[in-house]
C-alpha atoms as a PDB file:
ATOM      1  CA  MET A   1    -206.664  58.529  97.238  1.00  0.00           C
ATOM      2  CA  ALA A   2    -203.069  58.971  98.358  1.00  0.00           C
ATOM      3  CA  ILE A   3    -201.652  62.112  99.981  1.00  0.00           C
ATOM      4  CA  GLY A   4    -199.942  64.245  97.373  1.00  0.00           C
ATOM      5  CA  ARG A   5    -199.887  67.669  95.711  1.00  0.00           C
ATOM      6  CA  LYS A   6    -201.988  69.122  92.961  1.00  0.00           C
ATOM      7  CA  PRO A   7    -200.317  71.356  90.342  1.00  0.00           C
ATOM      8  CA  GLY A   8    -201.563  74.472  92.189  1.00  0.00           C
ATOM      9  CA  GLY A   9    -199.549  73.573  95.262  1.00  0.00           C
ATOM     10  CA  LYS A  10    -202.477  72.326  97.349  1.00  0.00           C
ATOM     11  CA  VAL A  11    -202.125  69.190  99.394  1.00  0.00           C
ATOM     12  CA  VAL A  12    -204.483  66.346  98.408  1.00  0.00           C
ATOM     13  CA  LYS A  13    -205.638  64.397 101.434  1.00  0.00           C
ATOM     14  CA  PRO A  14    -207.544  61.120 101.617  1.00  0.00           C
ATOM     15  CA  THR A  15    -211.308  61.604 101.674  1.00  0.00           C
ATOM     16  CA  GLY A  16    -213.197  60.955 104.897  1.00  0.00           C
ATOM     17  CA  SER A  17    -210.101  61.833 106.923  1.00  0.00           C
ATOM     18  CA  ALA A  18    -210.160  63.934 110.085  1.00  0.00           C
ATOM     19  CA  LEU A  19    -207.417  66.040 108.492  1.00  0.00           C
ATOM     20  CA  GLU A  20    -209.776  67.033 105.640  1.00  0.00           C
ATOM     21  CA  ALA A  21    -211.386  69.824 107.694  1.00  0.00           C
ATOM     22  CA  ALA A  22    -208.033  71.292 108.821  1.00  0.00           C
ATOM     23  CA  PRO A  23    -206.874  74.419 106.989  1.00  0.00           C
ATOM     24  CA  ASP A  24    -204.228  73.834 104.319  1.00  0.00           C
ATOM     25  CA  GLN A  25    -201.027  75.530 105.489  1.00  0.00           C
ATOM     26  CA  THR A  26    -198.976  74.550 102.389  1.00  0.00           C
ATOM     27  CA  SER A  27    -201.087  76.103  99.697  1.00  0.00           C
ATOM     28  CA  GLU A  28    -198.813  79.178  99.638  1.00  0.00           C
ATOM     29  CA  PRO A  29    -195.948  78.986  97.084  1.00  0.00           C
ATOM     30  CA  ALA A  30    -192.556  78.327  98.636  1.00  0.00           C
ATOM     31  CA  ASP A  31    -190.854  81.288  96.994  1.00  0.00           C
ATOM     32  CA  THR A  32    -193.030  84.028  98.512  1.00  0.00           C
ATOM     33  CA  ALA A  33    -190.298  84.790 101.087  1.00  0.00           C
ATOM     34  CA  ALA A  34    -187.839  85.268  98.242  1.00  0.00           C
ATOM     35  CA  ASP A  35    -190.321  87.516  96.428  1.00  0.00           C
ATOM     36  CA  ALA A  36    -190.900  89.604  99.583  1.00  0.00           C
ATOM     37  CA  ALA A  37    -187.103  90.166 100.142  1.00  0.00           C
ATOM     38  CA  ALA A  38    -185.660  93.482  99.106  1.00  0.00           C
ATOM     39  CA  VAL A  39    -184.526  93.413  95.481  1.00  0.00           C
ATOM     40  CA  SER A  40    -181.344  95.337  94.559  1.00  0.00           C
ATOM     41  CA  SER A  41    -182.603  96.162  91.087  1.00  0.00           C
ATOM     42  CA  PRO A  42    -185.737  95.495  89.087  1.00  0.00           C
ATOM     43  CA  ASP A  43    -183.600  94.499  86.096  1.00  0.00           C
ATOM     44  CA  PRO A  44    -182.799  90.714  86.157  1.00  0.00           C
ATOM     45  CA  MET A  45    -179.531  91.262  84.256  1.00  0.00           C
ATOM     46  CA  THR A  46    -178.285  93.640  86.912  1.00  0.00           C
ATOM     47  CA  ARG A  47    -179.144  91.058  89.565  1.00  0.00           C
ATOM     48  CA  MET A  48    -177.309  88.348  87.649  1.00  0.00           C
ATOM     49  CA  ILE A  49    -174.188  90.528  87.387  1.00  0.00           C
ATOM     50  CA  LEU A  50    -174.365  91.335  91.086  1.00  0.00           C
ATOM     51  CA  ALA A  51    -174.708  87.578  91.919  1.00  0.00           C
ATOM     52  CA  ASP A  52    -171.734  86.809  89.662  1.00  0.00           C
ATOM     53  CA  LEU A  53    -169.575  89.396  91.439  1.00  0.00           C
ATOM     54  CA  VAL A  54    -170.493  88.071  94.853  1.00  0.00           C
ATOM     55  CA  LEU A  55    -169.746  84.461  93.834  1.00  0.00           C
ATOM     56  CA  ARG A  56    -166.433  85.354  92.207  1.00  0.00           C
ATOM     57  CA  GLY A  57    -165.394  87.511  95.175  1.00  0.00           C
ATOM     58  CA  GLY A  58    -166.354  84.752  97.637  1.00  0.00           C
ATOM     59  CA  GLY A  59    -164.490  82.201  95.506  1.00  0.00           C
ATOM     60  CA  ALA A  60    -161.359  84.378  95.412  1.00  0.00           C
ATOM     61  CA  LEU A  61    -161.382  84.833  99.195  1.00  0.00           C
ATOM     62  CA  MET A  62    -161.841  81.060  99.690  1.00  0.00           C
ATOM     63  CA  ARG A  63    -159.061  80.297  97.204  1.00  0.00           C
ATOM     64  CA  ARG A  64    -156.646  82.634  99.023  1.00  0.00           C
ATOM     65  CA  ALA A  65    -157.549  81.051 102.370  1.00  0.00           C
ATOM     66  CA  VAL A  66    -156.927  77.559 101.056  1.00  0.00           C
ATOM     67  CA  GLU A  67    -153.623  78.580  99.436  1.00  0.00           C
ATOM     68  CA  GLN A  68    -152.393  80.206 102.646  1.00  0.00           C
ATOM     69  CA  ASN A  69    -153.444  77.188 104.647  1.00  0.00           C
ATOM     70  CA  LEU A  70    -151.673  74.719 102.404  1.00  0.00           C
ATOM     71  CA  LEU A  71    -148.488  76.718 102.096  1.00  0.00           C
ATOM     72  CA  GLY A  72    -148.568  77.871 105.706  1.00  0.00           C
ATOM     73  CA  ARG A  73    -148.386  74.340 107.071  1.00  0.00           C
ATOM     74  CA  THR A  74    -144.910  73.744 105.650  1.00  0.00           C
ATOM     75  CA  LEU A  75    -143.439  77.218 105.149  1.00  0.00           C
ATOM     76  CA  GLY A  76    -145.032  79.317 107.861  1.00  0.00           C
ATOM     77  CA  LYS A  77    -147.817  81.872 107.583  1.00  0.00           C
ATOM     78  CA  GLY A  78    -145.625  84.898 106.761  1.00  0.00           C
ATOM     79  CA  LYS A  79    -143.716  83.204 103.970  1.00  0.00           C
ATOM     80  CA  ALA A  80    -146.941  81.733 102.546  1.00  0.00           C
ATOM     81  CA  GLN A  81    -148.432  85.269 102.314  1.00  0.00           C
ATOM     82  CA  LYS A  82    -145.333  86.574 100.583  1.00  0.00           C
ATOM     83  CA  ILE A  83    -145.389  83.745  98.002  1.00  0.00           C
ATOM     84  CA  ILE A  84    -149.110  84.278  97.248  1.00  0.00           C
ATOM     85  CA  LYS A  85    -148.766  88.074  96.938  1.00  0.00           C
ATOM     86  CA  GLY A  86    -145.583  87.756  94.856  1.00  0.00           C
ATOM     87  CA  ARG A  87    -147.061  85.705  92.018  1.00  0.00           C
ATOM     88  CA  THR A  88    -146.724  87.212  88.557  1.00  0.00           C
ATOM     89  CA  MET A  89    -149.557  87.672  86.196  1.00  0.00           C
ATOM     90  CA  GLY A  90    -148.193  84.802  84.056  1.00  0.00           C
ATOM     91  CA  GLN A  91    -148.218  82.408  87.029  1.00  0.00           C
ATOM     92  CA  THR A  92    -151.791  83.336  87.870  1.00  0.00           C
ATOM     93  CA  LEU A  93    -152.950  82.885  84.280  1.00  0.00           C
ATOM     94  CA  LEU A  94    -151.108  79.571  83.967  1.00  0.00           C
ATOM     95  CA  GLY A  95    -152.714  78.292  87.165  1.00  0.00           C
ATOM     96  CA  THR A  96    -156.118  79.381  86.006  1.00  0.00           C
ATOM     97  CA  ALA A  97    -155.660  77.731  82.624  1.00  0.00           C
ATOM     98  CA  VAL A  98    -154.473  74.470  84.145  1.00  0.00           C
ATOM     99  CA  ALA A  99    -157.412  74.412  86.526  1.00  0.00           C
ATOM    100  CA  ARG A 100    -159.875  74.998  83.711  1.00  0.00           C
ATOM    101  CA  ILE A 101    -158.405  72.213  81.584  1.00  0.00           C
ATOM    102  CA  ALA A 102    -158.571  69.842  84.612  1.00  0.00           C
ATOM    103  CA  THR A 103    -162.183  70.674  85.479  1.00  0.00           C
ATOM    104  CA  ARG A 104    -163.706  70.691  81.998  1.00  0.00           C
ATOM    105  CA  SER A 105    -163.105  67.113  80.928  1.00  0.00           C
ATOM    106  CA  VAL A 106    -161.996  63.758  82.168  1.00  0.00           C
ATOM    107  CA  PRO A 107    -159.036  63.564  79.751  1.00  0.00           C
ATOM    108  CA  GLY A 108    -157.998  67.006  80.914  1.00  0.00           C
ATOM    109  CA  ALA A 109    -158.178  65.908  84.523  1.00  0.00           C
ATOM    110  CA  ILE A 110    -156.090  62.844  83.754  1.00  0.00           C
ATOM    111  CA  ILE A 111    -153.456  64.852  81.892  1.00  0.00           C
ATOM    112  CA  VAL A 112    -153.234  67.599  84.555  1.00  0.00           C
ATOM    113  CA  GLY A 113    -153.269  65.092  87.409  1.00  0.00           C
ATOM    114  CA  GLY A 114    -150.574  62.986  85.740  1.00  0.00           C
ATOM    115  CA  GLY A 115    -148.476  66.065  85.202  1.00  0.00           C
ATOM    116  CA  LEU A 116    -148.827  67.155  88.815  1.00  0.00           C
ATOM    117  CA  LEU A 117    -147.952  63.676  90.008  1.00  0.00           C
ATOM    118  CA  ALA A 118    -144.844  63.563  87.784  1.00  0.00           C
ATOM    119  CA  LYS A 119    -143.796  67.018  89.002  1.00  0.00           C
ATOM    120  CA  ALA A 120    -144.277  65.999  92.648  1.00  0.00           C
ATOM    121  CA  LEU A 121    -142.212  62.820  92.159  1.00  0.00           C
ATOM    122  CA  TYR A 122    -139.503  64.841  90.356  1.00  0.00           C
ATOM    123  CA  ASP A 123    -139.358  67.424  93.102  1.00  0.00           C
ATOM    124  CA  ARG A 124    -139.070  64.666  95.781  1.00  0.00           C
ATOM    125  CA  LYS A 125    -136.284  62.936  93.858  1.00  0.00           C
ATOM    126  CA  LYS A 126    -134.465  66.175  93.334  1.00  0.00           C
ATOM    127  CA  GLY A 127    -134.888  67.148  97.001  1.00  0.00           C
ATOM    128  CA  LYS A 128    -133.443  63.799  98.258  1.00  0.00           C
ATOM    129  CA  LYS A 129    -130.287  64.128  96.088  1.00  0.00           C
ATOM    130  CA  GLY A 130    -129.522  67.791  96.829  1.00  0.00           C
END
Protein backbone atom coordinates (compact mmCIF):
# COMPACT_ATOMS: atom_id res chain seq x y z
CA MET A 1 0.00 0.00 0.00
CA ALA A 2 1.37 3.45 -0.89
CA ILE A 3 1.65 6.39 1.49
CA GLY A 4 -1.33 8.71 1.02
CA ARG A 5 -4.28 10.31 2.78
CA LYS A 6 -7.70 8.98 3.62
CA PRO A 7 -10.70 11.31 3.28
CA GLY A 8 -10.66 11.97 7.04
CA GLY A 9 -7.21 13.54 6.80
CA LYS A 10 -5.30 10.59 8.28
CA VAL A 11 -2.07 9.50 6.69
CA VAL A 12 -2.09 5.98 5.27
CA LYS A 13 1.26 4.25 5.79
CA PRO A 14 2.55 0.99 4.37
CA THR A 15 1.77 -2.01 6.57
CA GLY A 16 4.61 -3.61 8.47
CA SER A 17 6.51 -0.33 8.56
CA ALA A 18 8.38 0.93 11.61
CA LEU A 19 6.48 4.19 11.11
CA GLU A 20 3.16 2.44 11.70
CA ALA A 21 3.49 2.63 15.48
CA ALA A 22 4.36 6.35 15.46
CA PRO A 23 1.54 8.75 16.37
CA ASP A 24 -0.09 10.51 13.45
CA GLN A 25 0.71 14.24 13.67
CA THR A 26 -1.25 15.18 10.53
CA SER A 27 -4.69 13.90 11.46
CA GLU A 28 -5.74 17.39 12.61
CA PRO A 29 -7.40 19.53 9.91
CA ALA A 30 -5.18 22.25 8.46
CA ASP A 31 -7.69 25.05 9.07
CA THR A 32 -7.90 24.71 12.88
CA ALA A 33 -5.52 27.67 13.30
CA ALA A 34 -7.84 29.78 11.17
CA ASP A 35 -10.84 28.60 13.21
CA ALA A 36 -9.09 29.44 16.47
CA ALA A 37 -8.20 32.98 15.33
CA ALA A 38 -10.34 35.84 16.59
CA VAL A 39 -13.33 36.48 14.33
CA SER A 40 -14.46 40.06 13.78
CA SER A 41 -18.12 39.07 13.43
CA PRO A 42 -20.08 35.84 13.52
CA ASP A 43 -21.95 36.91 10.36
CA PRO A 44 -20.10 35.71 7.23
CA MET A 45 -21.47 38.58 5.12
CA THR A 46 -19.97 41.13 7.51
CA ARG A 47 -16.61 39.36 7.28
CA MET A 48 -16.83 39.39 3.46
CA ILE A 49 -17.53 43.13 3.45
CA LEU A 50 -14.60 43.71 5.80
CA ALA A 51 -12.30 41.62 3.60
CA ASP A 52 -13.46 43.56 0.53
CA LEU A 53 -12.72 46.89 2.23
CA VAL A 54 -9.25 45.73 3.27
CA LEU A 55 -8.44 44.46 -0.22
CA ARG A 56 -9.71 47.61 -1.93
CA GLY A 57 -7.87 49.87 0.52
CA GLY A 58 -4.65 47.94 0.04
CA GLY A 59 -5.10 48.04 -3.72
CA ALA A 60 -5.64 51.80 -3.66
CA LEU A 61 -2.49 52.33 -1.58
CA MET A 62 -0.47 50.11 -3.90
CA ARG A 63 -1.88 51.86 -6.98
CA ARG A 64 -0.93 55.28 -5.60
CA ALA A 65 2.60 54.08 -4.78
CA VAL A 66 3.07 52.68 -8.31
CA GLU A 67 1.73 55.87 -9.90
CA GLN A 68 4.04 58.05 -7.80
CA ASN A 69 7.00 55.82 -8.60
CA LEU A 70 6.35 55.84 -12.36
CA LEU A 71 5.74 59.58 -12.54
CA GLY A 72 8.40 60.45 -9.99
CA ARG A 73 11.19 58.96 -12.09
CA THR A 74 10.76 61.52 -14.86
CA LEU A 75 9.00 64.47 -13.20
CA GLY A 76 10.24 64.42 -9.62
CA LYS A 77 8.42 63.30 -6.51
CA GLY A 78 6.71 66.62 -5.71
CA LYS A 79 5.30 67.14 -9.19
CA ALA A 80 4.15 63.52 -9.35
CA GLN A 81 2.16 63.95 -6.14
CA LYS A 82 0.55 67.15 -7.47
CA ILE A 83 -0.49 65.40 -10.69
CA ILE A 84 -1.96 62.42 -8.83
CA LYS A 85 -3.85 64.60 -6.35
CA GLY A 86 -5.02 67.00 -9.09
CA ARG A 87 -6.88 64.43 -11.17
CA THR A 88 -10.53 65.15 -11.82
CA MET A 89 -13.31 62.67 -11.19
CA GLY A 90 -13.72 62.23 -14.95
CA GLN A 91 -10.04 61.33 -15.40
CA THR A 92 -10.27 58.82 -12.57
CA LEU A 93 -13.44 57.23 -13.99
CA LEU A 94 -11.95 57.11 -17.50
CA GLY A 95 -8.82 55.39 -16.19
CA THR A 96 -10.90 52.87 -14.26
CA ALA A 97 -13.11 52.13 -17.28
CA VAL A 98 -10.12 51.64 -19.59
CA ALA A 99 -8.44 49.33 -17.06
CA ARG A 100 -11.61 47.24 -16.75
CA ILE A 101 -11.98 46.92 -20.50
CA ALA A 102 -8.33 45.86 -20.79
CA THR A 103 -8.51 43.26 -18.02
CA ARG A 104 -11.83 41.60 -18.83
CA SER A 105 -11.11 40.25 -22.31
CA VAL A 106 -8.32 39.60 -24.78
CA PRO A 107 -9.89 41.83 -27.47
CA GLY A 108 -10.24 44.59 -24.88
CA ALA A 109 -6.59 44.23 -23.91
CA ILE A 110 -5.56 44.39 -27.58
CA ILE A 111 -7.66 47.49 -28.23
CA VAL A 112 -6.49 49.31 -25.09
CA GLY A 113 -2.87 48.25 -25.61
CA GLY A 114 -2.99 49.35 -29.23
CA GLY A 115 -4.49 52.69 -28.25
CA LEU A 116 -1.83 53.26 -25.61
CA LEU A 117 0.90 52.36 -28.08
CA ALA A 118 -0.53 54.77 -30.66
CA LYS A 119 -0.78 57.53 -28.03
CA ALA A 120 2.82 56.95 -26.89
CA LEU A 121 4.09 57.08 -30.48
CA TYR A 122 2.05 60.24 -31.15
CA ASP A 123 3.41 61.90 -28.00
CA ARG A 124 7.00 61.01 -28.97
CA LYS A 125 6.54 62.36 -32.48
CA LYS A 126 4.92 65.53 -31.19
CA GLY A 127 7.68 65.98 -28.61
CA LYS A 128 10.46 65.66 -31.21
CA LYS A 129 8.92 68.31 -33.49
CA GLY A 130 8.11 70.86 -30.82
